[in-house]
mmCIF file of all heavy atoms, coordinates in Angstrom:
data_MODEL
# 
_entry.id   MODEL 
# 
loop_
_atom_site.group_PDB 
_atom_site.id 
_atom_site.type_symbol 
_atom_site.label_atom_id 
_atom_site.label_alt_id 
_atom_site.label_comp_id 
_atom_site.label_asym_id 
_atom_site.label_entity_id 
_atom_site.label_seq_id 
_atom_site.pdbx_PDB_ins_code 
_atom_site.Cartn_x 
_atom_site.Cartn_y 
_atom_site.Cartn_z 
_atom_site.occupancy 
_atom_site.B_iso_or_equiv 
_atom_site.pdbx_formal_charge 
_atom_site.auth_seq_id 
_atom_site.auth_comp_id 
_atom_site.auth_asym_id 
_atom_site.auth_atom_id 
_atom_site.pdbx_PDB_model_num 
ATOM 1   N N   . LEU A 1 1  ? -41.060 23.000 -104.888 1.00 0.00 ? 1  LEU A N   1 
ATOM 2   C CA  . LEU A 1 1  ? -39.949 22.338 -104.623 1.00 0.00 ? 1  LEU A CA  1 
ATOM 3   C C   . LEU A 1 1  ? -39.280 21.739 -105.948 1.00 0.00 ? 1  LEU A C   1 
ATOM 4   O O   . LEU A 1 1  ? -39.985 21.229 -106.711 1.00 0.00 ? 1  LEU A O   1 
ATOM 5   C CB  . LEU A 1 1  ? -40.075 21.118 -103.644 1.00 0.00 ? 1  LEU A CB  1 
ATOM 6   C CG  . LEU A 1 1  ? -39.912 21.239 -102.089 1.00 0.00 ? 1  LEU A CG  1 
ATOM 7   C CD1 . LEU A 1 1  ? -40.234 19.997 -101.442 1.00 0.00 ? 1  LEU A CD1 1 
ATOM 8   C CD2 . LEU A 1 1  ? -38.564 21.722 -101.769 1.00 0.00 ? 1  LEU A CD2 1 
ATOM 9   N N   . GLY A 1 2  ? -38.036 21.856 -106.048 1.00 0.00 ? 2  GLY A N   1 
ATOM 10  C CA  . GLY A 1 2  ? -37.240 21.220 -107.128 1.00 0.00 ? 2  GLY A CA  1 
ATOM 11  C C   . GLY A 1 2  ? -36.200 20.275 -106.473 1.00 0.00 ? 2  GLY A C   1 
ATOM 12  O O   . GLY A 1 2  ? -35.416 20.650 -105.647 1.00 0.00 ? 2  GLY A O   1 
ATOM 13  N N   . PHE A 1 3  ? -36.084 19.065 -107.063 1.00 0.00 ? 3  PHE A N   1 
ATOM 14  C CA  . PHE A 1 3  ? -35.239 18.137 -106.676 1.00 0.00 ? 3  PHE A CA  1 
ATOM 15  C C   . PHE A 1 3  ? -34.270 17.693 -107.747 1.00 0.00 ? 3  PHE A C   1 
ATOM 16  O O   . PHE A 1 3  ? -34.527 17.658 -108.974 1.00 0.00 ? 3  PHE A O   1 
ATOM 17  C CB  . PHE A 1 3  ? -35.893 16.735 -106.231 1.00 0.00 ? 3  PHE A CB  1 
ATOM 18  C CG  . PHE A 1 3  ? -36.632 16.904 -104.831 1.00 0.00 ? 3  PHE A CG  1 
ATOM 19  C CD1 . PHE A 1 3  ? -37.958 17.220 -104.945 1.00 0.00 ? 3  PHE A CD1 1 
ATOM 20  C CD2 . PHE A 1 3  ? -36.031 16.602 -103.668 1.00 0.00 ? 3  PHE A CD2 1 
ATOM 21  C CE1 . PHE A 1 3  ? -38.718 17.329 -103.732 1.00 0.00 ? 3  PHE A CE1 1 
ATOM 22  C CE2 . PHE A 1 3  ? -36.713 16.815 -102.428 1.00 0.00 ? 3  PHE A CE2 1 
ATOM 23  C CZ  . PHE A 1 3  ? -38.082 17.096 -102.475 1.00 0.00 ? 3  PHE A CZ  1 
ATOM 24  N N   . ASP A 1 4  ? -32.897 17.629 -107.486 1.00 0.00 ? 4  ASP A N   1 
ATOM 25  C CA  . ASP A 1 4  ? -31.935 17.224 -108.415 1.00 0.00 ? 4  ASP A CA  1 
ATOM 26  C C   . ASP A 1 4  ? -31.235 15.757 -108.013 1.00 0.00 ? 4  ASP A C   1 
ATOM 27  O O   . ASP A 1 4  ? -30.451 15.920 -107.017 1.00 0.00 ? 4  ASP A O   1 
ATOM 28  C CB  . ASP A 1 4  ? -30.968 18.181 -108.516 1.00 0.00 ? 4  ASP A CB  1 
ATOM 29  C CG  . ASP A 1 4  ? -29.887 18.021 -109.686 1.00 0.00 ? 4  ASP A CG  1 
ATOM 30  O OD1 . ASP A 1 4  ? -30.070 16.909 -110.419 1.00 0.00 ? 4  ASP A OD1 1 
ATOM 31  O OD2 . ASP A 1 4  ? -28.976 18.906 -109.909 1.00 0.00 ? 4  ASP A OD2 1 
ATOM 32  N N   . PHE A 1 5  ? -31.587 14.692 -108.715 1.00 0.00 ? 5  PHE A N   1 
ATOM 33  C CA  . PHE A 1 5  ? -30.895 13.584 -108.454 1.00 0.00 ? 5  PHE A CA  1 
ATOM 34  C C   . PHE A 1 5  ? -29.642 13.523 -109.384 1.00 0.00 ? 5  PHE A C   1 
ATOM 35  O O   . PHE A 1 5  ? -29.835 12.831 -110.359 1.00 0.00 ? 5  PHE A O   1 
ATOM 36  C CB  . PHE A 1 5  ? -31.790 12.327 -108.532 1.00 0.00 ? 5  PHE A CB  1 
ATOM 37  C CG  . PHE A 1 5  ? -32.917 12.114 -107.451 1.00 0.00 ? 5  PHE A CG  1 
ATOM 38  C CD1 . PHE A 1 5  ? -33.821 13.140 -107.230 1.00 0.00 ? 5  PHE A CD1 1 
ATOM 39  C CD2 . PHE A 1 5  ? -32.848 10.983 -106.675 1.00 0.00 ? 5  PHE A CD2 1 
ATOM 40  C CE1 . PHE A 1 5  ? -34.852 12.915 -106.358 1.00 0.00 ? 5  PHE A CE1 1 
ATOM 41  C CE2 . PHE A 1 5  ? -33.799 10.788 -105.779 1.00 0.00 ? 5  PHE A CE2 1 
ATOM 42  C CZ  . PHE A 1 5  ? -34.716 11.800 -105.485 1.00 0.00 ? 5  PHE A CZ  1 
ATOM 43  N N   . SER A 1 6  ? -28.594 13.963 -108.967 1.00 0.00 ? 6  SER A N   1 
ATOM 44  C CA  . SER A 1 6  ? -27.404 14.065 -109.883 1.00 0.00 ? 6  SER A CA  1 
ATOM 45  C C   . SER A 1 6  ? -26.353 12.975 -109.591 1.00 0.00 ? 6  SER A C   1 
ATOM 46  O O   . SER A 1 6  ? -26.641 12.107 -108.744 1.00 0.00 ? 6  SER A O   1 
ATOM 47  C CB  . SER A 1 6  ? -26.700 15.489 -109.806 1.00 0.00 ? 6  SER A CB  1 
ATOM 48  O OG  . SER A 1 6  ? -26.193 15.670 -108.528 1.00 0.00 ? 6  SER A OG  1 
ATOM 49  N N   . THR A 1 7  ? -25.301 12.959 -110.241 1.00 0.00 ? 7  THR A N   1 
ATOM 50  C CA  . THR A 1 7  ? -24.260 11.914 -110.178 1.00 0.00 ? 7  THR A CA  1 
ATOM 51  C C   . THR A 1 7  ? -23.836 11.890 -108.741 1.00 0.00 ? 7  THR A C   1 
ATOM 52  O O   . THR A 1 7  ? -23.632 10.698 -108.231 1.00 0.00 ? 7  THR A O   1 
ATOM 53  C CB  . THR A 1 7  ? -23.187 12.124 -111.037 1.00 0.00 ? 7  THR A CB  1 
ATOM 54  O OG1 . THR A 1 7  ? -23.705 12.441 -112.386 1.00 0.00 ? 7  THR A OG1 1 
ATOM 55  C CG2 . THR A 1 7  ? -22.384 10.943 -111.224 1.00 0.00 ? 7  THR A CG2 1 
ATOM 56  N N   . GLN A 1 8  ? -23.423 12.851 -108.002 1.00 0.00 ? 8  GLN A N   1 
ATOM 57  C CA  . GLN A 1 8  ? -22.743 12.888 -106.743 1.00 0.00 ? 8  GLN A CA  1 
ATOM 58  C C   . GLN A 1 8  ? -23.664 13.235 -105.629 1.00 0.00 ? 8  GLN A C   1 
ATOM 59  O O   . GLN A 1 8  ? -23.080 12.936 -104.496 1.00 0.00 ? 8  GLN A O   1 
ATOM 60  C CB  . GLN A 1 8  ? -21.592 13.829 -106.781 1.00 0.00 ? 8  GLN A CB  1 
ATOM 61  C CG  . GLN A 1 8  ? -20.658 13.523 -108.100 1.00 0.00 ? 8  GLN A CG  1 
ATOM 62  C CD  . GLN A 1 8  ? -19.352 14.345 -107.840 1.00 0.00 ? 8  GLN A CD  1 
ATOM 63  O OE1 . GLN A 1 8  ? -18.629 14.396 -106.858 1.00 0.00 ? 8  GLN A OE1 1 
ATOM 64  N NE2 . GLN A 1 8  ? -18.898 14.761 -108.966 1.00 0.00 ? 8  GLN A NE2 1 
ATOM 65  N N   . GLN A 1 9  ? -24.855 13.661 -105.773 1.00 0.00 ? 9  GLN A N   1 
ATOM 66  C CA  . GLN A 1 9  ? -25.558 14.279 -104.688 1.00 0.00 ? 9  GLN A CA  1 
ATOM 67  C C   . GLN A 1 9  ? -27.048 14.232 -104.994 1.00 0.00 ? 9  GLN A C   1 
ATOM 68  O O   . GLN A 1 9  ? -27.461 14.218 -106.209 1.00 0.00 ? 9  GLN A O   1 
ATOM 69  C CB  . GLN A 1 9  ? -25.076 15.577 -104.058 1.00 0.00 ? 9  GLN A CB  1 
ATOM 70  C CG  . GLN A 1 9  ? -25.186 16.700 -105.246 1.00 0.00 ? 9  GLN A CG  1 
ATOM 71  C CD  . GLN A 1 9  ? -24.625 17.963 -104.698 1.00 0.00 ? 9  GLN A CD  1 
ATOM 72  O OE1 . GLN A 1 9  ? -24.694 18.329 -103.671 1.00 0.00 ? 9  GLN A OE1 1 
ATOM 73  N NE2 . GLN A 1 9  ? -24.083 18.651 -105.743 1.00 0.00 ? 9  GLN A NE2 1 
ATOM 74  N N   . ILE A 1 10 ? -27.884 14.354 -103.981 1.00 0.00 ? 10 ILE A N   1 
ATOM 75  C CA  . ILE A 1 10 ? -29.359 14.925 -104.227 1.00 0.00 ? 10 ILE A CA  1 
ATOM 76  C C   . ILE A 1 10 ? -29.427 16.345 -103.563 1.00 0.00 ? 10 ILE A C   1 
ATOM 77  O O   . ILE A 1 10 ? -28.951 16.599 -102.413 1.00 0.00 ? 10 ILE A O   1 
ATOM 78  C CB  . ILE A 1 10 ? -30.333 14.010 -103.530 1.00 0.00 ? 10 ILE A CB  1 
ATOM 79  C CG1 . ILE A 1 10 ? -30.298 12.702 -104.157 1.00 0.00 ? 10 ILE A CG1 1 
ATOM 80  C CG2 . ILE A 1 10 ? -31.737 14.554 -103.670 1.00 0.00 ? 10 ILE A CG2 1 
ATOM 81  C CD1 . ILE A 1 10 ? -31.452 11.732 -103.633 1.00 0.00 ? 10 ILE A CD1 1 
ATOM 82  N N   . LYS A 1 11 ? -30.112 17.146 -104.363 1.00 0.00 ? 11 LYS A N   1 
ATOM 83  C CA  . LYS A 1 11 ? -30.281 18.559 -103.895 1.00 0.00 ? 11 LYS A CA  1 
ATOM 84  C C   . LYS A 1 11 ? -31.786 18.831 -103.860 1.00 0.00 ? 11 LYS A C   1 
ATOM 85  O O   . LYS A 1 11 ? -32.489 18.316 -104.632 1.00 0.00 ? 11 LYS A O   1 
ATOM 86  C CB  . LYS A 1 11 ? -29.524 19.561 -104.755 1.00 0.00 ? 11 LYS A CB  1 
ATOM 87  C CG  . LYS A 1 11 ? -28.076 19.504 -104.823 1.00 0.00 ? 11 LYS A CG  1 
ATOM 88  C CD  . LYS A 1 11 ? -27.350 20.751 -105.261 1.00 0.00 ? 11 LYS A CD  1 
ATOM 89  C CE  . LYS A 1 11 ? -27.621 20.781 -106.900 1.00 0.00 ? 11 LYS A CE  1 
ATOM 90  N NZ  . LYS A 1 11 ? -26.622 20.099 -107.612 1.00 0.00 ? 11 LYS A NZ  1 
ATOM 91  N N   . ALA A 1 12 ? -32.244 19.798 -103.064 1.00 0.00 ? 12 ALA A N   1 
ATOM 92  C CA  . ALA A 1 12 ? -33.590 20.276 -103.062 1.00 0.00 ? 12 ALA A CA  1 
ATOM 93  C C   . ALA A 1 12 ? -33.502 21.844 -102.840 1.00 0.00 ? 12 ALA A C   1 
ATOM 94  O O   . ALA A 1 12 ? -32.749 22.327 -102.198 1.00 0.00 ? 12 ALA A O   1 
ATOM 95  C CB  . ALA A 1 12 ? -34.325 19.696 -101.958 1.00 0.00 ? 12 ALA A CB  1 
ATOM 96  N N   . ILE A 1 13 ? -34.381 22.495 -103.721 1.00 0.00 ? 13 ILE A N   1 
ATOM 97  C CA  . ILE A 1 13 ? -34.479 23.918 -103.591 1.00 0.00 ? 13 ILE A CA  1 
ATOM 98  C C   . ILE A 1 13 ? -35.894 24.268 -103.469 1.00 0.00 ? 13 ILE A C   1 
ATOM 99  O O   . ILE A 1 13 ? -36.657 23.770 -104.335 1.00 0.00 ? 13 ILE A O   1 
ATOM 100 C CB  . ILE A 1 13 ? -33.926 24.675 -104.972 1.00 0.00 ? 13 ILE A CB  1 
ATOM 101 C CG1 . ILE A 1 13 ? -32.393 24.698 -104.862 1.00 0.00 ? 13 ILE A CG1 1 
ATOM 102 C CG2 . ILE A 1 13 ? -34.429 26.164 -105.047 1.00 0.00 ? 13 ILE A CG2 1 
ATOM 103 C CD1 . ILE A 1 13 ? -31.671 25.373 -106.027 1.00 0.00 ? 13 ILE A CD1 1 
ATOM 104 N N   . ALA A 1 14 ? -36.216 25.138 -102.499 1.00 0.00 ? 14 ALA A N   1 
ATOM 105 C CA  . ALA A 1 14 ? -37.665 25.517 -102.359 1.00 0.00 ? 14 ALA A CA  1 
ATOM 106 C C   . ALA A 1 14 ? -37.733 27.017 -102.815 1.00 0.00 ? 14 ALA A C   1 
ATOM 107 O O   . ALA A 1 14 ? -36.885 27.838 -102.349 1.00 0.00 ? 14 ALA A O   1 
ATOM 108 C CB  . ALA A 1 14 ? -38.067 25.358 -100.866 1.00 0.00 ? 14 ALA A CB  1 
ATOM 109 N N   . ILE A 1 15 ? -38.660 27.403 -103.630 1.00 0.00 ? 15 ILE A N   1 
ATOM 110 C CA  . ILE A 1 15 ? -38.855 28.727 -104.120 1.00 0.00 ? 15 ILE A CA  1 
ATOM 111 C C   . ILE A 1 15 ? -40.355 29.233 -103.562 1.00 0.00 ? 15 ILE A C   1 
ATOM 112 O O   . ILE A 1 15 ? -41.171 28.320 -103.483 1.00 0.00 ? 15 ILE A O   1 
ATOM 113 C CB  . ILE A 1 15 ? -38.736 29.019 -105.504 1.00 0.00 ? 15 ILE A CB  1 
ATOM 114 C CG1 . ILE A 1 15 ? -39.662 28.115 -106.323 1.00 0.00 ? 15 ILE A CG1 1 
ATOM 115 C CG2 . ILE A 1 15 ? -37.268 28.730 -106.071 1.00 0.00 ? 15 ILE A CG2 1 
ATOM 116 C CD1 . ILE A 1 15 ? -39.700 28.540 -107.919 1.00 0.00 ? 15 ILE A CD1 1 
ATOM 117 N N   . ASN A 1 16 ? -40.630 30.478 -103.413 1.00 0.00 ? 16 ASN A N   1 
ATOM 118 C CA  . ASN A 1 16 ? -41.914 30.956 -103.091 1.00 0.00 ? 16 ASN A CA  1 
ATOM 119 C C   . ASN A 1 16 ? -42.613 31.313 -104.518 1.00 0.00 ? 16 ASN A C   1 
ATOM 120 O O   . ASN A 1 16 ? -42.107 31.238 -105.479 1.00 0.00 ? 16 ASN A O   1 
ATOM 121 C CB  . ASN A 1 16 ? -41.863 32.044 -102.078 1.00 0.00 ? 16 ASN A CB  1 
ATOM 122 C CG  . ASN A 1 16 ? -41.045 33.307 -102.524 1.00 0.00 ? 16 ASN A CG  1 
ATOM 123 O OD1 . ASN A 1 16 ? -40.844 33.404 -103.733 1.00 0.00 ? 16 ASN A OD1 1 
ATOM 124 N ND2 . ASN A 1 16 ? -40.677 34.174 -101.758 1.00 0.00 ? 16 ASN A ND2 1 
ATOM 125 N N   . ASP A 1 17 ? -43.720 31.874 -104.284 1.00 0.00 ? 17 ASP A N   1 
ATOM 126 C CA  . ASP A 1 17 ? -44.588 32.180 -105.516 1.00 0.00 ? 17 ASP A CA  1 
ATOM 127 C C   . ASP A 1 17 ? -43.920 33.376 -106.320 1.00 0.00 ? 17 ASP A C   1 
ATOM 128 O O   . ASP A 1 17 ? -44.201 33.423 -107.515 1.00 0.00 ? 17 ASP A O   1 
ATOM 129 C CB  . ASP A 1 17 ? -46.007 32.587 -105.007 1.00 0.00 ? 17 ASP A CB  1 
ATOM 130 C CG  . ASP A 1 17 ? -47.038 32.319 -106.043 1.00 0.00 ? 17 ASP A CG  1 
ATOM 131 O OD1 . ASP A 1 17 ? -46.942 31.262 -106.654 1.00 0.00 ? 17 ASP A OD1 1 
ATOM 132 O OD2 . ASP A 1 17 ? -48.006 32.983 -106.198 1.00 0.00 ? 17 ASP A OD2 1 
ATOM 133 N N   . ALA A 1 18 ? -43.096 34.086 -105.744 1.00 0.00 ? 18 ALA A N   1 
ATOM 134 C CA  . ALA A 1 18 ? -42.331 35.174 -106.490 1.00 0.00 ? 18 ALA A CA  1 
ATOM 135 C C   . ALA A 1 18 ? -41.046 34.552 -106.888 1.00 0.00 ? 18 ALA A C   1 
ATOM 136 O O   . ALA A 1 18 ? -40.185 35.521 -107.446 1.00 0.00 ? 18 ALA A O   1 
ATOM 137 C CB  . ALA A 1 18 ? -41.997 36.374 -105.538 1.00 0.00 ? 18 ALA A CB  1 
ATOM 138 N N   . LEU A 1 19 ? -40.772 33.372 -106.899 1.00 0.00 ? 19 LEU A N   1 
ATOM 139 C CA  . LEU A 1 19 ? -39.632 32.686 -107.441 1.00 0.00 ? 19 LEU A CA  1 
ATOM 140 C C   . LEU A 1 19 ? -38.282 32.937 -106.684 1.00 0.00 ? 19 LEU A C   1 
ATOM 141 O O   . LEU A 1 19 ? -37.242 32.708 -107.261 1.00 0.00 ? 19 LEU A O   1 
ATOM 142 C CB  . LEU A 1 19 ? -39.416 32.940 -108.981 1.00 0.00 ? 19 LEU A CB  1 
ATOM 143 C CG  . LEU A 1 19 ? -40.565 32.689 -109.932 1.00 0.00 ? 19 LEU A CG  1 
ATOM 144 C CD1 . LEU A 1 19 ? -40.136 32.838 -111.372 1.00 0.00 ? 19 LEU A CD1 1 
ATOM 145 C CD2 . LEU A 1 19 ? -41.114 31.297 -109.634 1.00 0.00 ? 19 LEU A CD2 1 
ATOM 146 N N   . HIS A 1 20 ? -38.290 33.544 -105.543 1.00 0.00 ? 20 HIS A N   1 
ATOM 147 C CA  . HIS A 1 20 ? -37.254 33.683 -104.673 1.00 0.00 ? 20 HIS A CA  1 
ATOM 148 C C   . HIS A 1 20 ? -36.874 32.384 -104.008 1.00 0.00 ? 20 HIS A C   1 
ATOM 149 O O   . HIS A 1 20 ? -37.657 31.611 -103.535 1.00 0.00 ? 20 HIS A O   1 
ATOM 150 C CB  . HIS A 1 20 ? -37.455 34.752 -103.588 1.00 0.00 ? 20 HIS A CB  1 
ATOM 151 C CG  . HIS A 1 20 ? -37.688 36.155 -104.071 1.00 0.00 ? 20 HIS A CG  1 
ATOM 152 N ND1 . HIS A 1 20 ? -36.413 36.987 -104.284 1.00 0.00 ? 20 HIS A ND1 1 
ATOM 153 C CD2 . HIS A 1 20 ? -38.612 36.883 -104.494 1.00 0.00 ? 20 HIS A CD2 1 
ATOM 154 C CE1 . HIS A 1 20 ? -36.928 38.100 -104.849 1.00 0.00 ? 20 HIS A CE1 1 
ATOM 155 N NE2 . HIS A 1 20 ? -38.210 38.115 -104.966 1.00 0.00 ? 20 HIS A NE2 1 
ATOM 156 N N   . VAL A 1 21 ? -35.577 31.980 -103.984 1.00 0.00 ? 21 VAL A N   1 
ATOM 157 C CA  . VAL A 1 21 ? -35.099 30.769 -103.288 1.00 0.00 ? 21 VAL A CA  1 
ATOM 158 C C   . VAL A 1 21 ? -35.268 31.019 -101.740 1.00 0.00 ? 21 VAL A C   1 
ATOM 159 O O   . VAL A 1 21 ? -34.738 31.963 -101.281 1.00 0.00 ? 21 VAL A O   1 
ATOM 160 C CB  . VAL A 1 21 ? -33.635 30.448 -103.701 1.00 0.00 ? 21 VAL A CB  1 
ATOM 161 C CG1 . VAL A 1 21 ? -33.198 29.263 -102.854 1.00 0.00 ? 21 VAL A CG1 1 
ATOM 162 C CG2 . VAL A 1 21 ? -33.499 30.161 -105.160 1.00 0.00 ? 21 VAL A CG2 1 
ATOM 163 N N   . VAL A 1 22 ? -35.888 30.144 -101.148 1.00 0.00 ? 22 VAL A N   1 
ATOM 164 C CA  . VAL A 1 22 ? -36.334 30.277 -99.733  1.00 0.00 ? 22 VAL A CA  1 
ATOM 165 C C   . VAL A 1 22 ? -35.233 29.364 -98.958  1.00 0.00 ? 22 VAL A C   1 
ATOM 166 O O   . VAL A 1 22 ? -34.723 29.794 -97.897  1.00 0.00 ? 22 VAL A O   1 
ATOM 167 C CB  . VAL A 1 22 ? -37.709 29.745 -99.470  1.00 0.00 ? 22 VAL A CB  1 
ATOM 168 C CG1 . VAL A 1 22 ? -37.945 29.807 -97.889  1.00 0.00 ? 22 VAL A CG1 1 
ATOM 169 C CG2 . VAL A 1 22 ? -38.685 30.720 -100.149 1.00 0.00 ? 22 VAL A CG2 1 
ATOM 170 N N   . GLN A 1 23 ? -35.115 27.988 -99.345  1.00 0.00 ? 23 GLN A N   1 
ATOM 171 C CA  . GLN A 1 23 ? -34.124 27.153 -98.591  1.00 0.00 ? 23 GLN A CA  1 
ATOM 172 C C   . GLN A 1 23 ? -33.651 26.234 -99.623  1.00 0.00 ? 23 GLN A C   1 
ATOM 173 O O   . GLN A 1 23 ? -34.097 25.957 -100.655 1.00 0.00 ? 23 GLN A O   1 
ATOM 174 C CB  . GLN A 1 23 ? -34.876 26.500 -97.536  1.00 0.00 ? 23 GLN A CB  1 
ATOM 175 C CG  . GLN A 1 23 ? -35.168 27.250 -96.283  1.00 0.00 ? 23 GLN A CG  1 
ATOM 176 C CD  . GLN A 1 23 ? -35.806 26.435 -95.188  1.00 0.00 ? 23 GLN A CD  1 
ATOM 177 O OE1 . GLN A 1 23 ? -37.114 26.267 -95.369  1.00 0.00 ? 23 GLN A OE1 1 
ATOM 178 N NE2 . GLN A 1 23 ? -35.137 26.040 -94.122  1.00 0.00 ? 23 GLN A NE2 1 
ATOM 179 N N   . GLU A 1 24 ? -32.333 25.667 -99.279  1.00 0.00 ? 24 GLU A N   1 
ATOM 180 C CA  . GLU A 1 24 ? -31.590 24.805 -100.025 1.00 0.00 ? 24 GLU A CA  1 
ATOM 181 C C   . GLU A 1 24 ? -31.070 23.594 -99.220  1.00 0.00 ? 24 GLU A C   1 
ATOM 182 O O   . GLU A 1 24 ? -30.654 23.988 -98.094  1.00 0.00 ? 24 GLU A O   1 
ATOM 183 C CB  . GLU A 1 24 ? -30.422 25.335 -100.861 1.00 0.00 ? 24 GLU A CB  1 
ATOM 184 C CG  . GLU A 1 24 ? -30.780 26.360 -101.814 1.00 0.00 ? 24 GLU A CG  1 
ATOM 185 C CD  . GLU A 1 24 ? -29.700 27.031 -102.613 1.00 0.00 ? 24 GLU A CD  1 
ATOM 186 O OE1 . GLU A 1 24 ? -28.931 26.210 -103.106 1.00 0.00 ? 24 GLU A OE1 1 
ATOM 187 O OE2 . GLU A 1 24 ? -29.489 28.183 -102.640 1.00 0.00 ? 24 GLU A OE2 1 
ATOM 188 N N   . PHE A 1 25 ? -31.242 22.340 -99.705  1.00 0.00 ? 25 PHE A N   1 
ATOM 189 C CA  . PHE A 1 25 ? -30.597 21.191 -98.867  1.00 0.00 ? 25 PHE A CA  1 
ATOM 190 C C   . PHE A 1 25 ? -29.930 20.379 -99.839  1.00 0.00 ? 25 PHE A C   1 
ATOM 191 O O   . PHE A 1 25 ? -30.176 20.268 -101.066 1.00 0.00 ? 25 PHE A O   1 
ATOM 192 C CB  . PHE A 1 25 ? -31.851 20.503 -98.212  1.00 0.00 ? 25 PHE A CB  1 
ATOM 193 C CG  . PHE A 1 25 ? -32.701 21.355 -97.310  1.00 0.00 ? 25 PHE A CG  1 
ATOM 194 C CD1 . PHE A 1 25 ? -33.768 22.071 -97.855  1.00 0.00 ? 25 PHE A CD1 1 
ATOM 195 C CD2 . PHE A 1 25 ? -32.353 21.487 -95.984  1.00 0.00 ? 25 PHE A CD2 1 
ATOM 196 C CE1 . PHE A 1 25 ? -34.504 22.823 -97.001  1.00 0.00 ? 25 PHE A CE1 1 
ATOM 197 C CE2 . PHE A 1 25 ? -33.053 22.297 -95.169  1.00 0.00 ? 25 PHE A CE2 1 
ATOM 198 C CZ  . PHE A 1 25 ? -34.281 22.974 -95.674  1.00 0.00 ? 25 PHE A CZ  1 
ATOM 199 N N   . SER A 1 26 ? -28.925 19.494 -99.258  1.00 0.00 ? 26 SER A N   1 
ATOM 200 C CA  . SER A 1 26 ? -28.271 18.498 -100.052 1.00 0.00 ? 26 SER A CA  1 
ATOM 201 C C   . SER A 1 26 ? -27.770 17.403 -99.293  1.00 0.00 ? 26 SER A C   1 
ATOM 202 O O   . SER A 1 26 ? -27.498 17.434 -98.054  1.00 0.00 ? 26 SER A O   1 
ATOM 203 C CB  . SER A 1 26 ? -27.122 19.176 -100.921 1.00 0.00 ? 26 SER A CB  1 
ATOM 204 O OG  . SER A 1 26 ? -26.103 19.548 -99.950  1.00 0.00 ? 26 SER A OG  1 
ATOM 205 N N   . VAL A 1 27 ? -27.607 16.261 -100.006 1.00 0.00 ? 27 VAL A N   1 
ATOM 206 C CA  . VAL A 1 27 ? -26.954 14.959 -99.406  1.00 0.00 ? 27 VAL A CA  1 
ATOM 207 C C   . VAL A 1 27 ? -25.943 14.620 -100.412 1.00 0.00 ? 27 VAL A C   1 
ATOM 208 O O   . VAL A 1 27 ? -26.138 14.393 -101.672 1.00 0.00 ? 27 VAL A O   1 
ATOM 209 C CB  . VAL A 1 27 ? -27.987 13.968 -99.236  1.00 0.00 ? 27 VAL A CB  1 
ATOM 210 C CG1 . VAL A 1 27 ? -27.231 12.628 -99.010  1.00 0.00 ? 27 VAL A CG1 1 
ATOM 211 C CG2 . VAL A 1 27 ? -28.947 14.232 -97.966  1.00 0.00 ? 27 VAL A CG2 1 
ATOM 212 N N   . GLN A 1 28 ? -24.639 14.391 -99.916  1.00 0.00 ? 28 GLN A N   1 
ATOM 213 C CA  . GLN A 1 28 ? -23.579 14.024 -100.736 1.00 0.00 ? 28 GLN A CA  1 
ATOM 214 C C   . GLN A 1 28 ? -23.391 12.457 -100.556 1.00 0.00 ? 28 GLN A C   1 
ATOM 215 O O   . GLN A 1 28 ? -23.396 11.971 -99.606  1.00 0.00 ? 28 GLN A O   1 
ATOM 216 C CB  . GLN A 1 28 ? -22.209 14.623 -100.301 1.00 0.00 ? 28 GLN A CB  1 
ATOM 217 C CG  . GLN A 1 28 ? -22.187 16.116 -100.302 1.00 0.00 ? 28 GLN A CG  1 
ATOM 218 C CD  . GLN A 1 28 ? -22.086 16.881 -101.631 1.00 0.00 ? 28 GLN A CD  1 
ATOM 219 O OE1 . GLN A 1 28 ? -21.420 16.169 -102.519 1.00 0.00 ? 28 GLN A OE1 1 
ATOM 220 N NE2 . GLN A 1 28 ? -22.534 17.850 -101.857 1.00 0.00 ? 28 GLN A NE2 1 
ATOM 221 N N   . PHE A 1 29 ? -23.417 11.729 -101.720 1.00 0.00 ? 29 PHE A N   1 
ATOM 222 C CA  . PHE A 1 29 ? -23.439 10.264 -101.719 1.00 0.00 ? 29 PHE A CA  1 
ATOM 223 C C   . PHE A 1 29 ? -22.084 9.726  -100.988 1.00 0.00 ? 29 PHE A C   1 
ATOM 224 O O   . PHE A 1 29 ? -22.189 8.876  -100.058 1.00 0.00 ? 29 PHE A O   1 
ATOM 225 C CB  . PHE A 1 29 ? -23.534 9.620  -103.101 1.00 0.00 ? 29 PHE A CB  1 
ATOM 226 C CG  . PHE A 1 29 ? -24.785 10.039 -103.764 1.00 0.00 ? 29 PHE A CG  1 
ATOM 227 C CD1 . PHE A 1 29 ? -24.848 10.236 -105.178 1.00 0.00 ? 29 PHE A CD1 1 
ATOM 228 C CD2 . PHE A 1 29 ? -25.981 10.158 -103.149 1.00 0.00 ? 29 PHE A CD2 1 
ATOM 229 C CE1 . PHE A 1 29 ? -26.017 10.622 -105.760 1.00 0.00 ? 29 PHE A CE1 1 
ATOM 230 C CE2 . PHE A 1 29 ? -27.198 10.423 -103.798 1.00 0.00 ? 29 PHE A CE2 1 
ATOM 231 C CZ  . PHE A 1 29 ? -27.076 10.706 -105.102 1.00 0.00 ? 29 PHE A CZ  1 
# 
């Protein structure tokens, strides 16, 4: 899992062992 606490939102990206993006989520402040 990678999380991004940026200026306008928080995002999360999940990748599998082959580095393919599996799911993405976000919350807009």
